[in-house]
Amino acid sequence: MYITIKSLKKTLGKYIEITDLYLGLPMLMIFLVLFAFTNLKIQALVFLSICLFLLIPVNLSKKNRMYKIMILLVDYVFRNKNYCFFNEDIKESKIKQITKYLK
């Protein structure tokens, strides 16, 4: 199932969005140039398969294309993470202090 916005500005027909075209057409042009005018035929096919993978429709929340899921994954992997490590002796008091702070 596809999630689309019912607006002529955002969708073309029932399943294709404008953002898909913004991403898909340059990928297609790059593939055509690589495949037709260079000796990089295998690399062009690998590039095309990656591009097609990124445009696969998925039904997960409001993100309906794989490239959106990949952007969320990269954002999750490379964001700042803060870890707290405590000595066992003062662990209980620190946990109470943090939970009190969070409330």
PDB file of N, CA and C in Angstrom:
ATOM      1  N   MET A   1       0.848  -1.180   0.000  1.00  0.00           N
ATOM      2  CA  MET A   1       0.000   0.000   0.000  1.00  0.00           C
ATOM      3  C   MET A   1       0.887   1.235   0.000  1.00  0.00           C
ATOM      4  N   TYR A   2       0.522   2.217  -0.772  1.00  0.00           N
ATOM      5  CA  TYR A   2       1.279   3.446  -0.873  1.00  0.00           C
ATOM      6  C   TYR A   2       0.603   4.541  -0.057  1.00  0.00           C
ATOM      7  N   ILE A   3       1.406   5.367   0.555  1.00  0.00           N
ATOM      8  CA  ILE A   3       0.900   6.516   1.288  1.00  0.00           C
ATOM      9  C   ILE A   3       1.215   7.742   0.445  1.00  0.00           C
ATOM     10  N   THR A   4       0.208   8.387  -0.069  1.00  0.00           N
ATOM     11  CA  THR A   4       0.423   9.561  -0.904  1.00  0.00           C
ATOM     12  C   THR A   4      -0.439  10.710  -0.401  1.00  0.00           C
ATOM     13  N   ILE A   5      -0.032  11.889  -0.751  1.00  0.00           N
ATOM     14  CA  ILE A   5      -0.805  13.090  -0.420  1.00  0.00           C
ATOM     15  C   ILE A   5      -1.699  13.391  -1.602  1.00  0.00           C
ATOM     16  N   LYS A   6      -2.962  13.644  -1.357  1.00  0.00           N
ATOM     17  CA  LYS A   6      -3.906  13.898  -2.448  1.00  0.00           C
ATOM     18  C   LYS A   6      -3.812  15.354  -2.877  1.00  0.00           C
ATOM     19  N   SER A   7      -2.798  15.633  -3.661  1.00  0.00           N
ATOM     20  CA  SER A   7      -2.593  16.970  -4.178  1.00  0.00           C
ATOM     21  C   SER A   7      -1.881  16.863  -5.520  1.00  0.00           C
ATOM     22  N   LEU A   8      -2.277  17.669  -6.481  1.00  0.00           N
ATOM     23  CA  LEU A   8      -1.627  17.635  -7.791  1.00  0.00           C
ATOM     24  C   LEU A   8      -0.188  18.114  -7.719  1.00  0.00           C
ATOM     25  N   LYS A   9       0.127  18.928  -6.735  1.00  0.00           N
ATOM     26  CA  LYS A   9       1.479  19.436  -6.607  1.00  0.00           C
ATOM     27  C   LYS A   9       2.438  18.371  -6.085  1.00  0.00           C
ATOM     28  N   LYS A  10       1.955  17.429  -5.308  1.00  0.00           N
ATOM     29  CA  LYS A  10       2.824  16.440  -4.672  1.00  0.00           C
ATOM     30  C   LYS A  10       2.836  15.088  -5.369  1.00  0.00           C
ATOM     31  N   THR A  11       1.773  14.716  -6.070  1.00  0.00           N
ATOM     32  CA  THR A  11       1.708  13.382  -6.665  1.00  0.00           C
ATOM     33  C   THR A  11       1.454  13.465  -8.156  1.00  0.00           C
ATOM     34  N   LEU A  12       1.911  12.451  -8.847  1.00  0.00           N
ATOM     35  CA  LEU A  12       1.603  12.292 -10.269  1.00  0.00           C
ATOM     36  C   LEU A  12       0.859  10.983 -10.397  1.00  0.00           C
ATOM     37  N   GLY A  13      -0.403  11.036 -10.517  1.00  0.00           N
ATOM     38  CA  GLY A  13      -1.177   9.812 -10.569  1.00  0.00           C
ATOM     39  C   GLY A  13      -1.405   9.258  -9.169  1.00  0.00           C
ATOM     40  N   LYS A  14      -1.454   7.949  -9.070  1.00  0.00           N
ATOM     41  CA  LYS A  14      -1.801   7.321  -7.801  1.00  0.00           C
ATOM     42  C   LYS A  14      -0.590   6.934  -6.966  1.00  0.00           C
ATOM     43  N   TYR A  15       0.527   6.544  -7.605  1.00  0.00           N
ATOM     44  CA  TYR A  15       1.628   5.961  -6.853  1.00  0.00           C
ATOM     45  C   TYR A  15       2.949   6.713  -6.929  1.00  0.00           C
ATOM     46  N   ILE A  16       3.107   7.630  -7.847  1.00  0.00           N
ATOM     47  CA  ILE A  16       4.391   8.290  -8.037  1.00  0.00           C
ATOM     48  C   ILE A  16       4.350   9.678  -7.414  1.00  0.00           C
ATOM     49  N   GLU A  17       5.333   9.961  -6.584  1.00  0.00           N
ATOM     50  CA  GLU A  17       5.447  11.283  -5.978  1.00  0.00           C
ATOM     51  C   GLU A  17       6.504  12.086  -6.716  1.00  0.00           C
ATOM     52  N   ILE A  18       6.429  13.392  -6.576  1.00  0.00           N
ATOM     53  CA  ILE A  18       7.395  14.288  -7.213  1.00  0.00           C
ATOM     54  C   ILE A  18       8.797  14.031  -6.675  1.00  0.00           C
ATOM     55  N   THR A  19       8.937  13.777  -5.379  1.00  0.00           N
ATOM     56  CA  THR A  19      10.274  13.526  -4.815  1.00  0.00           C
ATOM     57  C   THR A  19      10.888  12.262  -5.397  1.00  0.00           C
ATOM     58  N   ASP A  20      10.066  11.278  -5.728  1.00  0.00           N
ATOM     59  CA  ASP A  20      10.579  10.069  -6.381  1.00  0.00           C
ATOM     60  C   ASP A  20      11.156  10.406  -7.750  1.00  0.00           C
ATOM     61  N   LEU A  21      10.499  11.307  -8.463  1.00  0.00           N
ATOM     62  CA  LEU A  21      11.015  11.725  -9.768  1.00  0.00           C
ATOM     63  C   LEU A  21      12.281  12.553  -9.620  1.00  0.00           C
ATOM     64  N   TYR A  22      12.324  13.418  -8.610  1.00  0.00           N
ATOM     65  CA  TYR A  22      13.526  14.224  -8.370  1.00  0.00           C
ATOM     66  C   TYR A  22      14.736  13.338  -8.111  1.00  0.00           C
ATOM     67  N   LEU A  23      14.524  12.211  -7.454  1.00  0.00           N
ATOM     68  CA  LEU A  23      15.630  11.297  -7.176  1.00  0.00           C
ATOM     69  C   LEU A  23      15.841  10.288  -8.297  1.00  0.00           C
ATOM     70  N   GLY A  24      14.783   9.824  -8.902  1.00  0.00           N
ATOM     71  CA  GLY A  24      14.877   8.759  -9.895  1.00  0.00           C
ATOM     72  C   GLY A  24      15.438   9.200 -11.233  1.00  0.00           C
ATOM     73  N   LEU A  25      15.058  10.366 -11.705  1.00  0.00           N
ATOM     74  CA  LEU A  25      15.523  10.810 -13.024  1.00  0.00           C
ATOM     75  C   LEU A  25      17.036  11.053 -13.069  1.00  0.00           C
ATOM     76  N   PRO A  26      17.631  11.739 -12.087  1.00  0.00           N
ATOM     77  CA  PRO A  26      19.107  11.860 -12.121  1.00  0.00           C
ATOM     78  C   PRO A  26      19.812  10.503 -12.008  1.00  0.00           C
ATOM     79  N   MET A  27      19.250   9.591 -11.212  1.00  0.00           N
ATOM     80  CA  MET A  27      19.843   8.259 -11.120  1.00  0.00           C
ATOM     81  C   MET A  27      19.783   7.555 -12.469  1.00  0.00           C
ATOM     82  N   LEU A  28      18.678   7.698 -13.171  1.00  0.00           N
ATOM     83  CA  LEU A  28      18.540   7.085 -14.489  1.00  0.00           C
ATOM     84  C   LEU A  28      19.522   7.687 -15.483  1.00  0.00           C
ATOM     85  N   MET A  29      19.686   8.993 -15.458  1.00  0.00           N
ATOM     86  CA  MET A  29      20.626   9.644 -16.377  1.00  0.00           C
ATOM     87  C   MET A  29      22.063   9.214 -16.096  1.00  0.00           C
ATOM     88  N   ILE A  30      22.421   9.130 -14.819  1.00  0.00           N
ATOM     89  CA  ILE A  30      23.773   8.679 -14.460  1.00  0.00           C
ATOM     90  C   ILE A  30      23.989   7.247 -14.930  1.00  0.00           C
ATOM     91  N   PHE A  31      22.990   6.395 -14.736  1.00  0.00           N
ATOM     92  CA  PHE A  31      23.106   5.012 -15.212  1.00  0.00           C
ATOM     93  C   PHE A  31      23.288   4.958 -16.719  1.00  0.00           C
ATOM     94  N   LEU A  32      22.485   5.721 -17.449  1.00  0.00           N
ATOM     95  CA  LEU A  32      22.581   5.697 -18.912  1.00  0.00           C
ATOM     96  C   LEU A  32      23.947   6.167 -19.398  1.00  0.00           C
ATOM     97  N   VAL A  33      24.478   7.220 -18.779  1.00  0.00           N
ATOM     98  CA  VAL A  33      25.797   7.718 -19.175  1.00  0.00           C
ATOM     99  C   VAL A  33      26.865   6.682 -18.845  1.00  0.00           C
ATOM    100  N   LEU A  34      26.812   6.105 -17.655  1.00  0.00           N
ATOM    101  CA  LEU A  34      27.815   5.103 -17.275  1.00  0.00           C
ATOM    102  C   LEU A  34      27.738   3.865 -18.170  1.00  0.00           C
ATOM    103  N   PHE A  35      26.547   3.434 -18.469  1.00  0.00           N
ATOM    104  CA  PHE A  35      26.380   2.202 -19.233  1.00  0.00           C
ATOM    105  C   PHE A  35      26.693   2.384 -20.713  1.00  0.00           C
ATOM    106  N   ALA A  36      26.302   3.532 -21.271  1.00  0.00           N
ATOM    107  CA  ALA A  36      26.429   3.710 -22.711  1.00  0.00           C
ATOM    108  C   ALA A  36      27.792   4.259 -23.143  1.00  0.00           C
ATOM    109  N   PHE A  37      28.372   5.153 -22.360  1.00  0.00           N
ATOM    110  CA  PHE A  37      29.544   5.890 -22.846  1.00  0.00           C
ATOM    111  C   PHE A  37      30.848   5.555 -22.132  1.00  0.00           C
ATOM    112  N   THR A  38      30.844   4.627 -21.204  1.00  0.00           N
ATOM    113  CA  THR A  38      32.082   4.266 -20.517  1.00  0.00           C
ATOM    114  C   THR A  38      32.255   2.753 -20.533  1.00  0.00           C
ATOM    115  N   ASN A  39      33.365   2.322 -20.003  1.00  0.00           N
ATOM    116  CA  ASN A  39      33.625   0.888 -19.883  1.00  0.00           C
ATOM    117  C   ASN A  39      33.176   0.346 -18.536  1.00  0.00           C
ATOM    118  N   LEU A  40      32.415   1.094 -17.803  1.00  0.00           N
ATOM    119  CA  LEU A  40      31.979   0.716 -16.451  1.00  0.00           C
ATOM    120  C   LEU A  40      30.598   0.056 -16.489  1.00  0.00           C
ATOM    121  N   LYS A  41      30.439  -0.973 -17.278  1.00  0.00           N
ATOM    122  CA  LYS A  41      29.130  -1.619 -17.440  1.00  0.00           C
ATOM    123  C   LYS A  41      28.673  -2.317 -16.159  1.00  0.00           C
ATOM    124  N   ILE A  42      29.564  -3.062 -15.530  1.00  0.00           N
ATOM    125  CA  ILE A  42      29.204  -3.778 -14.295  1.00  0.00           C
ATOM    126  C   ILE A  42      28.895  -2.786 -13.179  1.00  0.00           C
ATOM    127  N   GLN A  43      29.715  -1.748 -13.048  1.00  0.00           N
ATOM    128  CA  GLN A  43      29.470  -0.738 -12.020  1.00  0.00           C
ATOM    129  C   GLN A  43      28.150  -0.004 -12.281  1.00  0.00           C
ATOM    130  N   ALA A  44      27.812   0.205 -13.538  1.00  0.00           N
ATOM    131  CA  ALA A  44      26.540   0.850 -13.870  1.00  0.00           C
ATOM    132  C   ALA A  44      25.364  -0.034 -13.461  1.00  0.00           C
ATOM    133  N   LEU A  45      25.483  -1.327 -13.674  1.00  0.00           N
ATOM    134  CA  LEU A  45      24.410  -2.243 -13.259  1.00  0.00           C
ATOM    135  C   LEU A  45      24.282  -2.318 -11.740  1.00  0.00           C
ATOM    136  N   VAL A  46      25.411  -2.282 -11.041  1.00  0.00           N
ATOM    137  CA  VAL A  46      25.372  -2.255  -9.572  1.00  0.00           C
ATOM    138  C   VAL A  46      24.710  -0.966  -9.097  1.00  0.00           C
ATOM    139  N   PHE A  47      25.069   0.157  -9.726  1.00  0.00           N
ATOM    140  CA  PHE A  47      24.459   1.437  -9.388  1.00  0.00           C
ATOM    141  C   PHE A  47      22.951   1.407  -9.626  1.00  0.00           C
ATOM    142  N   LEU A  48      22.528   0.822 -10.744  1.00  0.00           N
ATOM    143  CA  LEU A  48      21.101   0.722 -11.042  1.00  0.00           C
ATOM    144  C   LEU A  48      20.379  -0.150 -10.014  1.00  0.00           C
ATOM    145  N   SER A  49      20.986  -1.252  -9.607  1.00  0.00           N
ATOM    146  CA  SER A  49      20.331  -2.111  -8.615  1.00  0.00           C
ATOM    147  C   SER A  49      20.220  -1.424  -7.261  1.00  0.00           C
ATOM    148  N   ILE A  50      21.228  -0.651  -6.879  1.00  0.00           N
ATOM    149  CA  ILE A  50      21.145   0.107  -5.621  1.00  0.00           C
ATOM    150  C   ILE A  50      20.049   1.164  -5.716  1.00  0.00           C
ATOM    151  N   CYS A  51      19.967   1.851  -6.848  1.00  0.00           N
ATOM    152  CA  CYS A  51      18.934   2.877  -7.034  1.00  0.00           C
ATOM    153  C   CYS A  51      17.540   2.264  -6.992  1.00  0.00           C
ATOM    154  N   LEU A  52      17.374   1.122  -7.636  1.00  0.00           N
ATOM    155  CA  LEU A  52      16.064   0.466  -7.597  1.00  0.00           C
ATOM    156  C   LEU A  52      15.720   0.002  -6.185  1.00  0.00           C
ATOM    157  N   PHE A  53      16.716  -0.463  -5.440  1.00  0.00           N
ATOM    158  CA  PHE A  53      16.483  -0.852  -4.047  1.00  0.00           C
ATOM    159  C   PHE A  53      16.009   0.337  -3.225  1.00  0.00           C
ATOM    160  N   LEU A  54      16.598   1.503  -3.449  1.00  0.00           N
ATOM    161  CA  LEU A  54      16.222   2.691  -2.685  1.00  0.00           C
ATOM    162  C   LEU A  54      14.826   3.196  -3.031  1.00  0.00           C
ATOM    163  N   LEU A  55      14.318   2.841  -4.190  1.00  0.00           N
ATOM    164  CA  LEU A  55      12.986   3.293  -4.587  1.00  0.00           C
ATOM    165  C   LEU A  55      11.899   2.256  -4.335  1.00  0.00           C
ATOM    166  N   ILE A  56      12.238   1.161  -3.652  1.00  0.00           N
ATOM    167  CA  ILE A  56      11.237   0.141  -3.340  1.00  0.00           C
ATOM    168  C   ILE A  56      10.220   0.719  -2.371  1.00  0.00           C
ATOM    169  N   PRO A  57       8.935   0.569  -2.659  1.00  0.00           N
ATOM    170  CA  PRO A  57       7.920   1.040  -1.706  1.00  0.00           C
ATOM    171  C   PRO A  57       7.788   0.068  -0.535  1.00  0.00           C
ATOM    172  N   VAL A  58       7.757   0.605   0.660  1.00  0.00           N
ATOM    173  CA  VAL A  58       7.565  -0.196   1.855  1.00  0.00           C
ATOM    174  C   VAL A  58       6.443   0.415   2.665  1.00  0.00           C
ATOM    175  N   ASN A  59       5.807  -0.381   3.471  1.00  0.00           N
ATOM    176  CA  ASN A  59       4.713   0.087   4.305  1.00  0.00           C
ATOM    177  C   ASN A  59       5.200   0.108   5.744  1.00  0.00           C
ATOM    178  N   LEU A  60       5.827   1.194   6.143  1.00  0.00           N
ATOM    179  CA  LEU A  60       6.374   1.338   7.483  1.00  0.00           C
ATOM    180  C   LEU A  60       6.145   2.770   7.926  1.00  0.00           C
ATOM    181  N   SER A  61       5.238   2.952   8.837  1.00  0.00           N
ATOM    182  CA  SER A  61       4.908   4.266   9.362  1.00  0.00           C
ATOM    183  C   SER A  61       4.501   5.184   8.207  1.00  0.00           C
ATOM    184  N   LYS A  62       4.973   6.430   8.235  1.00  0.00           N
ATOM    185  CA  LYS A  62       4.638   7.358   7.160  1.00  0.00           C
ATOM    186  C   LYS A  62       5.754   7.444   6.134  1.00  0.00           C
ATOM    187  N   LYS A  63       6.809   6.694   6.342  1.00  0.00           N
ATOM    188  CA  LYS A  63       7.920   6.673   5.398  1.00  0.00           C
ATOM    189  C   LYS A  63       7.648   5.578   4.388  1.00  0.00           C
ATOM    190  N   ASN A  64       7.442   5.935   3.130  1.00  0.00           N
ATOM    191  CA  ASN A  64       6.965   4.941   2.181  1.00  0.00           C
ATOM    192  C   ASN A  64       7.948   4.562   1.090  1.00  0.00           C
ATOM    193  N   ARG A  65       9.171   4.996   1.155  1.00  0.00           N
ATOM    194  CA  ARG A  65      10.191   4.561   0.211  1.00  0.00           C
ATOM    195  C   ARG A  65      11.433   4.149   0.998  1.00  0.00           C
ATOM    196  N   MET A  66      12.186   3.248   0.425  1.00  0.00           N
ATOM    197  CA  MET A  66      13.346   2.719   1.133  1.00  0.00           C
ATOM    198  C   MET A  66      14.396   3.795   1.364  1.00  0.00           C
ATOM    199  N   TYR A  67      14.537   4.770   0.468  1.00  0.00           N
ATOM    200  CA  TYR A  67      15.546   5.802   0.691  1.00  0.00           C
ATOM    201  C   TYR A  67      15.224   6.623   1.934  1.00  0.00           C
ATOM    202  N   LYS A  68      13.948   6.793   2.252  1.00  0.00           N
ATOM    203  CA  LYS A  68      13.583   7.512   3.469  1.00  0.00           C
ATOM    204  C   LYS A  68      13.961   6.698   4.701  1.00  0.00           C
ATOM    205  N   ILE A  69      13.780   5.372   4.626  1.00  0.00           N
ATOM    206  CA  ILE A  69      14.164   4.495   5.727  1.00  0.00           C
ATOM    207  C   ILE A  69      15.680   4.503   5.895  1.00  0.00           C
ATOM    208  N   MET A  70      16.424   4.506   4.798  1.00  0.00           N
ATOM    209  CA  MET A  70      17.878   4.525   4.870  1.00  0.00           C
ATOM    210  C   MET A  70      18.376   5.841   5.464  1.00  0.00           C
ATOM    211  N   ILE A  71      17.707   6.945   5.157  1.00  0.00           N
ATOM    212  CA  ILE A  71      18.086   8.233   5.751  1.00  0.00           C
ATOM    213  C   ILE A  71      17.865   8.185   7.253  1.00  0.00           C
ATOM    214  N   LEU A  72      16.740   7.610   7.695  1.00  0.00           N
ATOM    215  CA  LEU A  72      16.494   7.474   9.134  1.00  0.00           C
ATOM    216  C   LEU A  72      17.528   6.582   9.798  1.00  0.00           C
ATOM    217  N   LEU A  73      17.932   5.502   9.129  1.00  0.00           N
ATOM    218  CA  LEU A  73      18.935   4.591   9.673  1.00  0.00           C
ATOM    219  C   LEU A  73      20.288   5.278   9.812  1.00  0.00           C
ATOM    220  N   VAL A  74      20.704   6.003   8.792  1.00  0.00           N
ATOM    221  CA  VAL A  74      21.982   6.718   8.853  1.00  0.00           C
ATOM    222  C   VAL A  74      21.941   7.788   9.932  1.00  0.00           C
ATOM    223  N   ASP A  75      20.817   8.479  10.055  1.00  0.00           N
ATOM    224  CA  ASP A  75      20.662   9.482  11.113  1.00  0.00           C
ATOM    225  C   ASP A  75      20.768   8.843  12.492  1.00  0.00           C
ATOM    226  N   TYR A  76      20.171   7.674  12.663  1.00  0.00           N
ATOM    227  CA  TYR A  76      20.230   6.973  13.949  1.00  0.00           C
ATOM    228  C   TYR A  76      21.648   6.494  14.266  1.00  0.00           C
ATOM    229  N   VAL A  77      22.338   5.966  13.273  1.00  0.00           N
ATOM    230  CA  VAL A  77      23.669   5.409  13.514  1.00  0.00           C
ATOM    231  C   VAL A  77      24.685   6.502  13.833  1.00  0.00           C
ATOM    232  N   PHE A  78      24.605   7.642  13.170  1.00  0.00           N
ATOM    233  CA  PHE A  78      25.624   8.674  13.321  1.00  0.00           C
ATOM    234  C   PHE A  78      25.237   9.819  14.247  1.00  0.00           C
ATOM    235  N   ARG A  79      24.154   9.706  14.972  1.00  0.00           N
ATOM    236  CA  ARG A  79      23.807  10.794  15.891  1.00  0.00           C
ATOM    237  C   ARG A  79      24.627  10.683  17.176  1.00  0.00           C
ATOM    238  N   ASN A  80      24.640  11.757  17.946  1.00  0.00           N
ATOM    239  CA  ASN A  80      25.376  11.782  19.208  1.00  0.00           C
ATOM    240  C   ASN A  80      24.717  10.867  20.224  1.00  0.00           C
ATOM    241  N   LYS A  81      25.524  10.062  20.862  1.00  0.00           N
ATOM    242  CA  LYS A  81      25.001   9.162  21.885  1.00  0.00           C
ATOM    243  C   LYS A  81      25.729   9.466  23.190  1.00  0.00           C
ATOM    244  N   ASN A  82      24.980   9.599  24.262  1.00  0.00           N
ATOM    245  CA  ASN A  82      25.555   9.858  25.575  1.00  0.00           C
ATOM    246  C   ASN A  82      25.370   8.631  26.450  1.00  0.00           C
ATOM    247  N   TYR A  83      26.467   8.123  26.953  1.00  0.00           N
ATOM    248  CA  TYR A  83      26.437   6.948  27.813  1.00  0.00           C
ATOM    249  C   TYR A  83      26.838   7.354  29.222  1.00  0.00           C
ATOM    250  N   CYS A  84      26.161   6.787  30.217  1.00  0.00           N
ATOM    251  CA  CYS A  84      26.474   7.059  31.619  1.00  0.00           C
ATOM    252  C   CYS A  84      26.927   5.763  32.281  1.00  0.00           C
ATOM    253  N   PHE A  85      28.121   5.777  32.841  1.00  0.00           N
ATOM    254  CA  PHE A  85      28.650   4.628  33.554  1.00  0.00           C
ATOM    255  C   PHE A  85      28.878   5.025  35.007  1.00  0.00           C
ATOM    256  N   PHE A  86      28.456   4.161  35.941  1.00  0.00           N
ATOM    257  CA  PHE A  86      28.552   4.457  37.359  1.00  0.00           C
ATOM    258  C   PHE A  86      29.266   3.331  38.081  1.00  0.00           C
ATOM    259  N   ASN A  87      29.888   3.710  39.168  1.00  0.00           N
ATOM    260  CA  ASN A  87      30.466   2.739  40.088  1.00  0.00           C
ATOM    261  C   ASN A  87      29.307   2.035  40.802  1.00  0.00           C
ATOM    262  N   GLU A  88      29.457   0.759  41.121  1.00  0.00           N
ATOM    263  CA  GLU A  88      28.382  -0.011  41.755  1.00  0.00           C
ATOM    264  C   GLU A  88      27.979   0.562  43.120  1.00  0.00           C
ATOM    265  N   ASP A  89      28.919   1.169  43.823  1.00  0.00           N
ATOM    266  CA  ASP A  89      28.616   1.692  45.157  1.00  0.00           C
ATOM    267  C   ASP A  89      27.647   2.870  45.108  1.00  0.00           C
ATOM    268  N   ILE A  90      27.815   3.717  44.156  1.00  0.00           N
ATOM    269  CA  ILE A  90      26.971   4.921  44.090  1.00  0.00           C
ATOM    270  C   ILE A  90      25.899   4.826  43.012  1.00  0.00           C
ATOM    271  N   LYS A  91      25.743   3.649  42.456  1.00  0.00           N
ATOM    272  CA  LYS A  91      24.813   3.470  41.349  1.00  0.00           C
ATOM    273  C   LYS A  91      23.369   3.783  41.733  1.00  0.00           C
ATOM    274  N   GLU A  92      22.917   3.264  42.854  1.00  0.00           N
ATOM    275  CA  GLU A  92      21.527   3.468  43.275  1.00  0.00           C
ATOM    276  C   GLU A  92      21.217   4.940  43.512  1.00  0.00           C
ATOM    277  N   SER A  93      22.101   5.638  44.182  1.00  0.00           N
ATOM    278  CA  SER A  93      21.842   7.062  44.451  1.00  0.00           C
ATOM    279  C   SER A  93      21.839   7.876  43.160  1.00  0.00           C
ATOM    280  N   LYS A  94      22.715   7.542  42.226  1.00  0.00           N
ATOM    281  CA  LYS A  94      22.752   8.265  40.961  1.00  0.00           C
ATOM    282  C   LYS A  94      21.495   7.985  40.127  1.00  0.00           C
ATOM    283  N   ILE A  95      21.027   6.754  40.150  1.00  0.00           N
ATOM    284  CA  ILE A  95      19.812   6.415  39.404  1.00  0.00           C
ATOM    285  C   ILE A  95      18.623   7.182  39.961  1.00  0.00           C
ATOM    286  N   LYS A  96      18.529   7.251  41.278  1.00  0.00           N
ATOM    287  CA  LYS A  96      17.443   8.021  41.891  1.00  0.00           C
ATOM    288  C   LYS A  96      17.559   9.495  41.540  1.00  0.00           C
ATOM    289  N   GLN A  97      18.783  10.006  41.531  1.00  0.00           N
ATOM    290  CA  GLN A  97      18.996  11.409  41.209  1.00  0.00           C
ATOM    291  C   GLN A  97      18.600  11.680  39.733  1.00  0.00           C
ATOM    292  N   ILE A  98      18.963  10.809  38.838  1.00  0.00           N
ATOM    293  CA  ILE A  98      18.629  11.001  37.423  1.00  0.00           C
ATOM    294  C   ILE A  98      17.127  10.890  37.195  1.00  0.00           C
ATOM    295  N   THR A  99      16.494   9.911  37.832  1.00  0.00           N
ATOM    296  CA  THR A  99      15.037   9.781  37.648  1.00  0.00           C
ATOM    297  C   THR A  99      14.296  10.965  38.244  1.00  0.00           C
ATOM    298  N   LYS A 100      14.808  11.479  39.362  1.00  0.00           N
ATOM    299  CA  LYS A 100      14.197  12.677  39.950  1.00  0.00           C
ATOM    300  C   LYS A 100      14.374  13.867  39.008  1.00  0.00           C
ATOM    301  N   TYR A 101      15.544  13.972  38.379  1.00  0.00           N
ATOM    302  CA  TYR A 101      15.814  15.046  37.434  1.00  0.00           C
ATOM    303  C   TYR A 101      14.912  14.941  36.198  1.00  0.00           C
ATOM    304  N   LEU A 102      14.693  13.717  35.721  1.00  0.00           N
ATOM    305  CA  LEU A 102      13.866  13.516  34.538  1.00  0.00           C
ATOM    306  C   LEU A 102      12.393  13.801  34.801  1.00  0.00           C
ATOM    307  N   LYS A 103      11.937  13.582  36.033  1.00  0.00           N
ATOM    308  CA  LYS A 103      10.535  13.871  36.363  1.00  0.00           C
ATOM    309  C   LYS A 103      10.327  15.344  36.408  1.00  0.00           C
TER     310      LYS A 103
END
